[in-house]
Amino acid sequence: MTFKPYQLYLLSFLLSLLPLSLAQDDAAALVKIKEQLGNSIELSSWVLPPGSDICGGNIICNSARRVRWVTLRDINVNAPMLSAFGDLTELEVITIERMPGLYGPIPDSIGKLSHLQILNIYGTSISGPLPESLSSTNLSSISLTSNKINGSIPESLSTLPYLNFLSLANNSLTGSIPSGLVHGSATMPMWLILNDNKLTGELPKYYGGPYFDTRHTVYDYKLGLERLEFDLTHVQLPDTIGFLELGHNRIKGKVPKSLINVIVAVLDLSYNQLCGEIPTGGYMSWHKAASYENNKCLCGTPLPNCTKGHYP
């Protein structure tokens, strides 16, 4: 059947009059989320006549009118973390930022979201341990920075095959760092950001003791302000690391010679127990004295010259 031009225009106009309604189950879940947030005035746009569409803004939907992305930001509430997220079964991205009145643990219902790829929660009062149920998702990026999360890092996170970005900085995590939390390749950098917690023990061989996995491009290792203890001397580094921040730990040994040929944009080895002469050549001239300050007995450029007392 062939349509004439005016018939196509008419058909397009009639289709534009049809409501594009949100899936009923998702609409009900959003109502629950709004109720759990005390029907905050910032979410007043979530109440629309039946059959209407609220996709857009802080709610992004797919072509089937299923919710795939929810953003909650700067909402003044006093409420527990939202269990109703688990009812948005097609959800791929959760972003919650700057909501200090949001408290309580991350609910196990998040584990029901088999399509979830990005979990970003920043600047809230959520607490308690990380749920094991996160390993049932499809997460490639977890950023839970500046909250009040405590307990240990679940080893089950290492079973997430696509997780290449993990930031748990500025919480109250304790215990050791599990091996294999993030995965990468030559074309997919790894990001591991765990600074400002209370982690202890050695750094697993997977990350740096005695070698970094040189098959991977590591863009960000931030493990400062912990209580990590390992020997840095023979660490073999990949060719490029964006940030290597290991300050304020209990790292011993020497600055590794492998660092000479590594491009590191930001280096922080300060406040550790490192000794001996800092290697020279290659890219070492990029790093200033602040990168090495307050160690046990480091010496040599850019620090003062070495004397006999600088050697262990």
C-alpha atoms as a PDB file:
ATOM      1  CA  MET A   1       0.000   0.000   0.000  1.00  0.00           C
ATOM      2  CA  THR A   2       1.361   3.403  -1.006  1.00  0.00           C
ATOM      3  CA  PHE A   3       0.597   6.544   1.019  1.00  0.00           C
ATOM      4  CA  LYS A   4       0.288   9.934  -0.565  1.00  0.00           C
ATOM      5  CA  PRO A   5       2.288  12.791   1.038  1.00  0.00           C
ATOM      6  CA  TYR A   6      -0.743  14.388   2.706  1.00  0.00           C
ATOM      7  CA  GLN A   7      -1.735  10.986   4.150  1.00  0.00           C
ATOM      8  CA  LEU A   8       1.711  10.583   5.699  1.00  0.00           C
ATOM      9  CA  TYR A   9       1.474  14.022   7.268  1.00  0.00           C
ATOM     10  CA  LEU A  10      -1.978  13.193   8.630  1.00  0.00           C
ATOM     11  CA  LEU A  11      -0.791   9.861  10.024  1.00  0.00           C
ATOM     12  CA  SER A  12       2.193  11.542  11.711  1.00  0.00           C
ATOM     13  CA  PHE A  13      -0.097  14.159  13.237  1.00  0.00           C
ATOM     14  CA  LEU A  14      -2.530  11.542  14.574  1.00  0.00           C
ATOM     15  CA  LEU A  15       0.318   9.514  16.088  1.00  0.00           C
ATOM     16  CA  SER A  16       1.613  12.630  17.848  1.00  0.00           C
ATOM     17  CA  LEU A  17      -1.738  12.911  19.629  1.00  0.00           C
ATOM     18  CA  LEU A  18      -1.441   9.433  21.153  1.00  0.00           C
ATOM     19  CA  PRO A  19      -0.185   9.456  24.773  1.00  0.00           C
ATOM     20  CA  LEU A  20       3.120   7.797  25.417  1.00  0.00           C
ATOM     21  CA  SER A  21       2.412   6.425  28.863  1.00  0.00           C
ATOM     22  CA  LEU A  22       4.965   5.095  31.301  1.00  0.00           C
ATOM     23  CA  ALA A  23       4.806   1.367  31.983  1.00  0.00           C
ATOM     24  CA  GLN A  24       2.366   0.752  34.839  1.00  0.00           C
ATOM     25  CA  ASP A  25       4.837  -1.140  37.055  1.00  0.00           C
ATOM     26  CA  ASP A  26       7.443   1.589  36.703  1.00  0.00           C
ATOM     27  CA  ALA A  27       4.890   4.295  37.448  1.00  0.00           C
ATOM     28  CA  ALA A  28       3.935   2.486  40.650  1.00  0.00           C
ATOM     29  CA  ALA A  29       7.621   2.168  41.649  1.00  0.00           C
ATOM     30  CA  LEU A  30       8.183   5.895  41.134  1.00  0.00           C
ATOM     31  CA  VAL A  31       5.182   6.641  43.338  1.00  0.00           C
ATOM     32  CA  LYS A  32       6.766   4.449  46.044  1.00  0.00           C
ATOM     33  CA  ILE A  33      10.086   6.287  45.714  1.00  0.00           C
ATOM     34  CA  LYS A  34       8.336   9.614  46.043  1.00  0.00           C
ATOM     35  CA  GLU A  35       6.445   8.407  49.105  1.00  0.00           C
ATOM     36  CA  GLN A  36       9.666   7.064  50.672  1.00  0.00           C
ATOM     37  CA  LEU A  37      11.138  10.557  50.200  1.00  0.00           C
ATOM     38  CA  GLY A  38       8.197  12.098  52.054  1.00  0.00           C
ATOM     39  CA  ASN A  39       6.508  13.368  48.877  1.00  0.00           C
ATOM     40  CA  SER A  40       9.218  15.984  48.530  1.00  0.00           C
ATOM     41  CA  ILE A  41       8.200  19.121  46.653  1.00  0.00           C
ATOM     42  CA  GLU A  42      11.220  18.647  44.365  1.00  0.00           C
ATOM     43  CA  LEU A  43       9.427  15.597  42.920  1.00  0.00           C
ATOM     44  CA  SER A  44       6.077  17.296  42.282  1.00  0.00           C
ATOM     45  CA  SER A  45       6.450  16.690  38.543  1.00  0.00           C
ATOM     46  CA  TRP A  46       6.162  12.947  39.184  1.00  0.00           C
ATOM     47  CA  VAL A  47       2.388  13.319  39.669  1.00  0.00           C
ATOM     48  CA  LEU A  48       0.599  13.422  36.329  1.00  0.00           C
ATOM     49  CA  PRO A  49      -2.836  12.311  35.049  1.00  0.00           C
ATOM     50  CA  PRO A  50      -3.155   8.618  34.142  1.00  0.00           C
ATOM     51  CA  GLY A  51      -1.806   7.875  30.685  1.00  0.00           C
ATOM     52  CA  SER A  52       0.617  10.823  30.736  1.00  0.00           C
ATOM     53  CA  ASP A  53       4.362  10.593  30.326  1.00  0.00           C
ATOM     54  CA  ILE A  54       6.943  11.831  32.848  1.00  0.00           C
ATOM     55  CA  CYS A  55      10.028  10.660  30.996  1.00  0.00           C
ATOM     56  CA  GLY A  56      12.593  13.410  30.706  1.00  0.00           C
ATOM     57  CA  GLY A  57      14.584  15.515  33.144  1.00  0.00           C
ATOM     58  CA  ASN A  58      15.595  13.361  36.096  1.00  0.00           C
ATOM     59  CA  ILE A  59      13.864  10.295  34.639  1.00  0.00           C
ATOM     60  CA  ILE A  60      15.137   8.821  31.372  1.00  0.00           C
ATOM     61  CA  CYS A  61      13.179   6.058  29.660  1.00  0.00           C
ATOM     62  CA  ASN A  62      13.889   3.643  26.853  1.00  0.00           C
ATOM     63  CA  SER A  63      11.828   3.245  23.679  1.00  0.00           C
ATOM     64  CA  ALA A  64       9.418   0.907  25.491  1.00  0.00           C
ATOM     65  CA  ARG A  65       8.719   3.650  28.071  1.00  0.00           C
ATOM     66  CA  ARG A  66      10.549   1.749  30.790  1.00  0.00           C
ATOM     67  CA  VAL A  67      12.633   3.735  33.267  1.00  0.00           C
ATOM     68  CA  ARG A  68      16.347   3.209  32.633  1.00  0.00           C
ATOM     69  CA  TRP A  69      17.907   6.170  34.508  1.00  0.00           C
ATOM     70  CA  VAL A  70      16.882   8.014  37.687  1.00  0.00           C
ATOM     71  CA  THR A  71      18.704  11.073  39.064  1.00  0.00           C
ATOM     72  CA  LEU A  72      18.006  12.506  42.514  1.00  0.00           C
ATOM     73  CA  ARG A  73      20.067  15.555  43.398  1.00  0.00           C
ATOM     74  CA  ASP A  74      19.986  18.251  46.126  1.00  0.00           C
ATOM     75  CA  ILE A  75      16.664  17.105  47.602  1.00  0.00           C
ATOM     76  CA  ASN A  76      16.053  18.137  51.212  1.00  0.00           C
ATOM     77  CA  VAL A  77      14.751  14.978  52.876  1.00  0.00           C
ATOM     78  CA  ASN A  78      15.099  12.917  56.037  1.00  0.00           C
ATOM     79  CA  ALA A  79      14.470   9.397  54.821  1.00  0.00           C
ATOM     80  CA  PRO A  80      16.036   5.930  54.598  1.00  0.00           C
ATOM     81  CA  MET A  81      17.703   4.697  51.439  1.00  0.00           C
ATOM     82  CA  LEU A  82      15.134   3.781  48.814  1.00  0.00           C
ATOM     83  CA  SER A  83      14.133   0.122  48.599  1.00  0.00           C
ATOM     84  CA  ALA A  84      11.632   0.833  45.790  1.00  0.00           C
ATOM     85  CA  PHE A  85      14.493   1.195  43.295  1.00  0.00           C
ATOM     86  CA  GLY A  86      14.427  -2.609  43.163  1.00  0.00           C
ATOM     87  CA  ASP A  87      10.986  -2.468  41.484  1.00  0.00           C
ATOM     88  CA  LEU A  88      12.348  -0.587  38.437  1.00  0.00           C
ATOM     89  CA  THR A  89      13.416  -3.801  36.740  1.00  0.00           C
ATOM     90  CA  GLU A  90      14.865  -2.167  33.587  1.00  0.00           C
ATOM     91  CA  LEU A  91      16.918   0.393  35.510  1.00  0.00           C
ATOM     92  CA  GLU A  92      20.475   0.873  34.241  1.00  0.00           C
ATOM     93  CA  VAL A  93      21.682   3.997  36.092  1.00  0.00           C
ATOM     94  CA  ILE A  94      21.067   5.320  39.615  1.00  0.00           C
ATOM     95  CA  THR A  95      22.500   8.730  40.534  1.00  0.00           C
ATOM     96  CA  ILE A  96      21.944  10.226  43.993  1.00  0.00           C
ATOM     97  CA  GLU A  97      23.990  13.291  44.909  1.00  0.00           C
ATOM     98  CA  ARG A  98      24.198  15.769  47.785  1.00  0.00           C
ATOM     99  CA  MET A  99      21.340  14.465  49.909  1.00  0.00           C
ATOM    100  CA  PRO A 100      22.766  14.354  53.472  1.00  0.00           C
ATOM    101  CA  GLY A 101      19.344  13.528  54.925  1.00  0.00           C
ATOM    102  CA  LEU A 102      19.283  10.159  53.144  1.00  0.00           C
ATOM    103  CA  TYR A 103      20.388   7.491  55.626  1.00  0.00           C
ATOM    104  CA  GLY A 104      20.420   3.761  56.335  1.00  0.00           C
ATOM    105  CA  PRO A 105      21.946   0.846  54.436  1.00  0.00           C
ATOM    106  CA  ILE A 106      21.887   0.237  50.692  1.00  0.00           C
ATOM    107  CA  PRO A 107      18.914  -2.153  50.363  1.00  0.00           C
ATOM    108  CA  ASP A 108      19.358  -5.713  49.126  1.00  0.00           C
ATOM    109  CA  SER A 109      16.615  -4.992  46.589  1.00  0.00           C
ATOM    110  CA  ILE A 110      19.257  -3.263  44.429  1.00  0.00           C
ATOM    111  CA  GLY A 111      20.440  -6.800  43.635  1.00  0.00           C
ATOM    112  CA  LYS A 112      17.205  -7.399  41.729  1.00  0.00           C
ATOM    113  CA  LEU A 113      18.339  -4.942  39.053  1.00  0.00           C
ATOM    114  CA  SER A 114      20.029  -7.285  36.595  1.00  0.00           C
ATOM    115  CA  HIS A 115      20.441  -4.450  34.037  1.00  0.00           C
ATOM    116  CA  LEU A 116      22.061  -1.972  36.463  1.00  0.00           C
ATOM    117  CA  GLN A 117      25.352  -0.667  35.036  1.00  0.00           C
ATOM    118  CA  ILE A 118      26.118   2.510  37.005  1.00  0.00           C
ATOM    119  CA  LEU A 119      25.539   3.164  40.717  1.00  0.00           C
ATOM    120  CA  ASN A 120      26.536   6.658  41.830  1.00  0.00           C
ATOM    121  CA  ILE A 121      25.733   7.804  45.388  1.00  0.00           C
ATOM    122  CA  TYR A 122      27.620  10.849  46.658  1.00  0.00           C
ATOM    123  CA  GLY A 123      27.323  13.056  49.709  1.00  0.00           C
ATOM    124  CA  THR A 124      24.637  11.233  51.691  1.00  0.00           C
ATOM    125  CA  SER A 125      24.422   9.669  55.161  1.00  0.00           C
ATOM    126  CA  ILE A 126      23.884   6.107  53.961  1.00  0.00           C
ATOM    127  CA  SER A 127      25.701   3.661  56.220  1.00  0.00           C
ATOM    128  CA  GLY A 128      26.117  -0.017  56.973  1.00  0.00           C
ATOM    129  CA  PRO A 129      28.037  -2.562  54.916  1.00  0.00           C
ATOM    130  CA  LEU A 130      27.970  -2.908  51.152  1.00  0.00           C
ATOM    131  CA  PRO A 131      25.352  -5.541  50.256  1.00  0.00           C
ATOM    132  CA  GLU A 132      26.505  -8.807  48.731  1.00  0.00           C
ATOM    133  CA  SER A 133      23.541  -8.514  46.372  1.00  0.00           C
ATOM    134  CA  LEU A 134      25.431  -5.940  44.270  1.00  0.00           C
ATOM    135  CA  SER A 135      27.213  -8.886  42.658  1.00  0.00           C
ATOM    136  CA  SER A 136      23.897  -9.920  41.055  1.00  0.00           C
ATOM    137  CA  THR A 137      23.790  -6.772  38.912  1.00  0.00           C
ATOM    138  CA  ASN A 138      25.597  -5.846  35.701  1.00  0.00           C
ATOM    139  CA  LEU A 139      27.596  -2.997  37.234  1.00  0.00           C
ATOM    140  CA  SER A 140      30.568  -1.557  35.360  1.00  0.00           C
ATOM    141  CA  SER A 141      30.868   1.550  37.552  1.00  0.00           C
ATOM    142  CA  ILE A 142      30.332   1.926  41.311  1.00  0.00           C
ATOM    143  CA  SER A 143      30.927   5.332  42.880  1.00  0.00           C
ATOM    144  CA  LEU A 144      29.902   5.581  46.544  1.00  0.00           C
ATOM    145  CA  THR A 145      32.078   8.505  47.590  1.00  0.00           C
ATOM    146  CA  SER A 146      31.651  10.654  50.722  1.00  0.00           C
ATOM    147  CA  ASN A 147      29.030   8.656  52.566  1.00  0.00           C
ATOM    148  CA  LYS A 148      29.146   6.769  55.895  1.00  0.00           C
ATOM    149  CA  ILE A 149      29.512   3.209  54.631  1.00  0.00           C
ATOM    150  CA  ASN A 150      31.316   0.873  57.013  1.00  0.00           C
ATOM    151  CA  GLY A 151      32.300  -2.772  57.288  1.00  0.00           C
ATOM    152  CA  SER A 152      34.562  -4.582  54.858  1.00  0.00           C
ATOM    153  CA  ILE A 153      34.601  -4.578  51.053  1.00  0.00           C
ATOM    154  CA  PRO A 154      32.736  -7.708  49.874  1.00  0.00           C
ATOM    155  CA  GLU A 155      34.921 -10.131  47.926  1.00  0.00           C
ATOM    156  CA  SER A 156      31.841 -10.877  45.813  1.00  0.00           C
ATOM    157  CA  LEU A 157      32.343  -7.566  43.979  1.00  0.00           C
ATOM    158  CA  SER A 158      35.266  -9.228  42.177  1.00  0.00           C
ATOM    159  CA  THR A 159      32.750 -11.463  40.380  1.00  0.00           C
ATOM    160  CA  LEU A 160      31.333  -8.462  38.461  1.00  0.00           C
ATOM    161  CA  PRO A 161      33.023  -9.117  35.101  1.00  0.00           C
ATOM    162  CA  TYR A 162      32.625  -5.597  33.668  1.00  0.00           C
ATOM    163  CA  LEU A 163      33.475  -3.541  36.768  1.00  0.00           C
ATOM    164  CA  ASN A 164      36.333  -1.239  35.770  1.00  0.00           C
ATOM    165  CA  PHE A 165      35.538   1.807  37.954  1.00  0.00           C
ATOM    166  CA  LEU A 166      35.254   1.528  41.744  1.00  0.00           C
ATOM    167  CA  SER A 167      35.320   4.541  44.059  1.00  0.00           C
ATOM    168  CA  LEU A 168      34.576   4.032  47.750  1.00  0.00           C
ATOM    169  CA  ALA A 169      36.577   7.024  48.972  1.00  0.00           C
ATOM    170  CA  ASN A 170      35.812   8.959  52.137  1.00  0.00           C
ATOM    171  CA  ASN A 171      33.794   6.371  54.035  1.00  0.00           C
ATOM    172  CA  SER A 172      34.567   4.238  57.104  1.00  0.00           C
ATOM    173  CA  LEU A 173      35.510   0.947  55.471  1.00  0.00           C
ATOM    174  CA  THR A 174      37.776  -1.436  57.363  1.00  0.00           C
ATOM    175  CA  GLY A 175      39.618  -4.687  56.704  1.00  0.00           C
ATOM    176  CA  SER A 176      41.739  -5.676  53.731  1.00  0.00           C
ATOM    177  CA  ILE A 177      41.340  -4.944  50.011  1.00  0.00           C
ATOM    178  CA  PRO A 178      40.020  -7.979  48.099  1.00  0.00           C
ATOM    179  CA  SER A 179      41.859  -9.028  44.970  1.00  0.00           C
ATOM    180  CA  GLY A 180      40.396  -8.487  41.502  1.00  0.00           C
ATOM    181  CA  LEU A 181      37.836  -5.806  42.341  1.00  0.00           C
ATOM    182  CA  VAL A 182      38.295  -4.006  39.018  1.00  0.00           C
ATOM    183  CA  HIS A 183      39.008  -5.412  35.578  1.00  0.00           C
ATOM    184  CA  GLY A 184      40.585  -3.791  32.557  1.00  0.00           C
ATOM    185  CA  SER A 185      42.511  -4.258  29.362  1.00  0.00           C
ATOM    186  CA  ALA A 186      44.791  -2.302  27.060  1.00  0.00           C
ATOM    187  CA  THR A 187      41.781  -0.346  25.835  1.00  0.00           C
ATOM    188  CA  MET A 188      39.741  -0.262  29.056  1.00  0.00           C
ATOM    189  CA  PRO A 189      41.517   1.507  31.962  1.00  0.00           C
ATOM    190  CA  MET A 190      40.932   0.466  35.559  1.00  0.00           C
ATOM    191  CA  TRP A 191      40.031   2.944  38.305  1.00  0.00           C
ATOM    192  CA  LEU A 192      40.386   1.979  41.978  1.00  0.00           C
ATOM    193  CA  ILE A 193      39.749   4.829  44.437  1.00  0.00           C
ATOM    194  CA  LEU A 194      39.676   3.809  48.101  1.00  0.00           C
ATOM    195  CA  ASN A 195      41.366   6.701  49.899  1.00  0.00           C
ATOM    196  CA  ASP A 196      40.150   8.143  53.213  1.00  0.00           C
ATOM    197  CA  ASN A 197      38.939   4.912  54.777  1.00  0.00           C
ATOM    198  CA  LYS A 198      40.447   2.654  57.473  1.00  0.00           C
ATOM    199  CA  LEU A 199      41.663  -0.204  55.308  1.00  0.00           C
ATOM    200  CA  THR A 200      44.599  -2.306  56.480  1.00  0.00           C
ATOM    201  CA  GLY A 201      46.982  -5.058  55.395  1.00  0.00           C
ATOM    202  CA  GLU A 202      48.938  -5.697  52.229  1.00  0.00           C
ATOM    203  CA  LEU A 203      47.976  -4.677  48.729  1.00  0.00           C
ATOM    204  CA  PRO A 204      47.049  -7.862  46.815  1.00  0.00           C
ATOM    205  CA  LYS A 205      49.383  -8.939  44.004  1.00  0.00           C
ATOM    206  CA  TYR A 206      46.590  -8.183  41.540  1.00  0.00           C
ATOM    207  CA  TYR A 207      47.131  -4.442  42.167  1.00  0.00           C
ATOM    208  CA  GLY A 208      50.751  -3.992  43.064  1.00  0.00           C
ATOM    209  CA  GLY A 209      52.559  -6.428  45.283  1.00  0.00           C
ATOM    210  CA  PRO A 210      54.942  -7.393  43.892  1.00  0.00           C
ATOM    211  CA  TYR A 211      53.668  -6.186  40.515  1.00  0.00           C
ATOM    212  CA  PHE A 212      50.873  -4.316  38.864  1.00  0.00           C
ATOM    213  CA  ASP A 213      49.191  -6.213  36.064  1.00  0.00           C
ATOM    214  CA  THR A 214      51.124  -4.653  33.189  1.00  0.00           C
ATOM    215  CA  ARG A 215      48.639  -5.940  30.642  1.00  0.00           C
ATOM    216  CA  HIS A 216      46.196  -3.324  31.905  1.00  0.00           C
ATOM    217  CA  THR A 217      46.070   0.438  31.590  1.00  0.00           C
ATOM    218  CA  VAL A 218      45.583   1.753  35.111  1.00  0.00           C
ATOM    219  CA  TYR A 219      44.166   5.244  35.120  1.00  0.00           C
ATOM    220  CA  ASP A 220      43.603   5.808  38.819  1.00  0.00           C
ATOM    221  CA  TYR A 221      44.910   4.164  41.993  1.00  0.00           C
ATOM    222  CA  LYS A 222      43.961   6.268  45.008  1.00  0.00           C
ATOM    223  CA  LEU A 223      44.678   4.365  48.200  1.00  0.00           C
ATOM    224  CA  GLY A 224      45.822   7.175  50.468  1.00  0.00           C
ATOM    225  CA  LEU A 225      45.061   7.650  54.169  1.00  0.00           C
ATOM    226  CA  GLU A 226      44.815   3.919  54.818  1.00  0.00           C
ATOM    227  CA  ARG A 227      46.991   1.510  56.815  1.00  0.00           C
ATOM    228  CA  LEU A 228      48.332  -0.535  53.933  1.00  0.00           C
ATOM    229  CA  GLU A 229      51.646  -2.317  54.405  1.00  0.00           C
ATOM    230  CA  PHE A 230      53.732  -3.738  51.537  1.00  0.00           C
ATOM    231  CA  ASP A 231      57.179  -3.407  49.963  1.00  0.00           C
ATOM    232  CA  LEU A 232      57.184  -1.060  46.965  1.00  0.00           C
ATOM    233  CA  THR A 233      60.754  -1.847  45.834  1.00  0.00           C
ATOM    234  CA  HIS A 234      60.117  -4.382  43.068  1.00  0.00           C
ATOM    235  CA  VAL A 235      56.722  -3.247  41.879  1.00  0.00           C
ATOM    236  CA  GLN A 236      56.440  -3.398  38.082  1.00  0.00           C
ATOM    237  CA  LEU A 237      54.164  -0.680  36.758  1.00  0.00           C
ATOM    238  CA  PRO A 238      52.167  -0.397  33.505  1.00  0.00           C
ATOM    239  CA  ASP A 239      53.206   2.213  30.955  1.00  0.00           C
ATOM    240  CA  THR A 240      50.565   4.762  31.924  1.00  0.00           C
ATOM    241  CA  ILE A 241      48.898   5.577  35.231  1.00  0.00           C
ATOM    242  CA  GLY A 242      46.819   8.734  35.515  1.00  0.00           C
ATOM    243  CA  PHE A 243      46.901   8.921  39.326  1.00  0.00           C
ATOM    244  CA  LEU A 244      49.091   6.862  41.658  1.00  0.00           C
ATOM    245  CA  GLU A 245      48.203   8.081  45.130  1.00  0.00           C
ATOM    246  CA  LEU A 246      49.542   5.895  47.943  1.00  0.00           C
ATOM    247  CA  GLY A 247      50.214   8.582  50.534  1.00  0.00           C
ATOM    248  CA  HIS A 248      49.641   8.216  54.284  1.00  0.00           C
ATOM    249  CA  ASN A 249      50.116   4.447  54.489  1.00  0.00           C
ATOM    250  CA  ARG A 250      52.813   2.182  55.956  1.00  0.00           C
ATOM    251  CA  ILE A 251      54.519   1.305  52.677  1.00  0.00           C
ATOM    252  CA  LYS A 252      58.179   0.345  52.994  1.00  0.00           C
ATOM    253  CA  GLY A 253      61.122  -0.365  50.700  1.00  0.00           C
ATOM    254  CA  LYS A 254      62.359   1.950  47.950  1.00  0.00           C
ATOM    255  CA  VAL A 255      60.823   3.944  45.126  1.00  0.00           C
ATOM    256  CA  PRO A 256      60.719   1.340  42.319  1.00  0.00           C
ATOM    257  CA  LYS A 257      63.013   1.789  39.322  1.00  0.00           C
ATOM    258  CA  SER A 258      60.108   0.752  37.098  1.00  0.00           C
ATOM    259  CA  LEU A 259      58.639   4.211  37.771  1.00  0.00           C
ATOM    260  CA  ILE A 260      61.297   5.799  35.532  1.00  0.00           C
ATOM    261  CA  ASN A 261      59.525   4.849  32.294  1.00  0.00           C
ATOM    262  CA  VAL A 262      55.939   5.294  33.494  1.00  0.00           C
ATOM    263  CA  ILE A 263      53.777   8.298  32.631  1.00  0.00           C
ATOM    264  CA  VAL A 264      52.119   9.290  35.918  1.00  0.00           C
ATOM    265  CA  ALA A 265      50.117  12.512  35.931  1.00  0.00           C
ATOM    266  CA  VAL A 266      49.827  12.665  39.754  1.00  0.00           C
ATOM    267  CA  LEU A 267      52.181  10.796  42.084  1.00  0.00           C
ATOM    268  CA  ASP A 268      51.835  10.730  45.864  1.00  0.00           C
ATOM    269  CA  LEU A 269      54.096   8.471  47.924  1.00  0.00           C
ATOM    270  CA  SER A 270      54.254  10.848  50.894  1.00  0.00           C
ATOM    271  CA  TYR A 271      53.906   9.918  54.568  1.00  0.00           C
ATOM    272  CA  ASN A 272      55.133   6.331  54.279  1.00  0.00           C
ATOM    273  CA  GLN A 273      58.237   4.420  55.420  1.00  0.00           C
ATOM    274  CA  LEU A 274      60.214   4.519  52.164  1.00  0.00           C
ATOM    275  CA  CYS A 275      64.029   4.748  52.188  1.00  0.00           C
ATOM    276  CA  GLY A 276      66.953   5.101  49.799  1.00  0.00           C
ATOM    277  CA  GLU A 277      67.725   7.150  46.716  1.00  0.00           C
ATOM    278  CA  ILE A 278      64.925   8.195  44.377  1.00  0.00           C
ATOM    279  CA  PRO A 279      65.599   6.895  40.829  1.00  0.00           C
ATOM    280  CA  THR A 280      66.377   9.481  38.149  1.00  0.00           C
ATOM    281  CA  GLY A 281      65.838   9.718  34.414  1.00  0.00           C
ATOM    282  CA  GLY A 282      62.843   9.113  32.212  1.00  0.00           C
ATOM    283  CA  TYR A 283      59.718  10.766  33.563  1.00  0.00           C
ATOM    284  CA  MET A 284      61.008  11.172  37.129  1.00  0.00           C
ATOM    285  CA  SER A 285      61.588  14.909  36.615  1.00  0.00           C
ATOM    286  CA  TRP A 286      57.814  15.370  36.458  1.00  0.00           C
ATOM    287  CA  HIS A 287      57.459  14.688  40.183  1.00  0.00           C
ATOM    288  CA  LYS A 288      58.142  17.348  42.793  1.00  0.00           C
ATOM    289  CA  ALA A 289      59.327  17.021  46.385  1.00  0.00           C
ATOM    290  CA  ALA A 290      55.771  16.925  47.720  1.00  0.00           C
ATOM    291  CA  SER A 291      55.336  13.523  46.063  1.00  0.00           C
ATOM    292  CA  TYR A 292      57.891  12.027  48.479  1.00  0.00           C
ATOM    293  CA  GLU A 293      57.752  14.146  51.642  1.00  0.00           C
ATOM    294  CA  ASN A 294      57.646  12.718  55.159  1.00  0.00           C
ATOM    295  CA  ASN A 295      59.074   9.289  54.455  1.00  0.00           C
ATOM    296  CA  LYS A 296      61.547   7.420  56.642  1.00  0.00           C
ATOM    297  CA  CYS A 297      64.759   8.186  54.763  1.00  0.00           C
ATOM    298  CA  LEU A 298      64.234   9.038  51.077  1.00  0.00           C
ATOM    299  CA  CYS A 299      66.857  11.188  49.396  1.00  0.00           C
ATOM    300  CA  GLY A 300      68.026  12.442  46.014  1.00  0.00           C
ATOM    301  CA  THR A 301      66.369  14.689  43.465  1.00  0.00           C
ATOM    302  CA  PRO A 302      63.967  16.387  44.119  1.00  0.00           C
ATOM    303  CA  LEU A 303      64.784  15.852  47.831  1.00  0.00           C
ATOM    304  CA  PRO A 304      68.168  16.694  49.439  1.00  0.00           C
ATOM    305  CA  ASN A 305      71.218  14.718  48.398  1.00  0.00           C
ATOM    306  CA  CYS A 306      71.793  11.319  49.916  1.00  0.00           C
ATOM    307  CA  THR A 307      74.107  10.661  52.831  1.00  0.00           C
ATOM    308  CA  LYS A 308      75.006   7.434  54.560  1.00  0.00           C
ATOM    309  CA  GLY A 309      72.086   7.830  56.965  1.00  0.00           C
ATOM    310  CA  HIS A 310      69.555   7.687  54.147  1.00  0.00           C
ATOM    311  CA  TYR A 311      70.173   4.005  53.455  1.00  0.00           C
ATOM    312  CA  PRO A 312      68.511   1.249  55.500  1.00  0.00           C
END
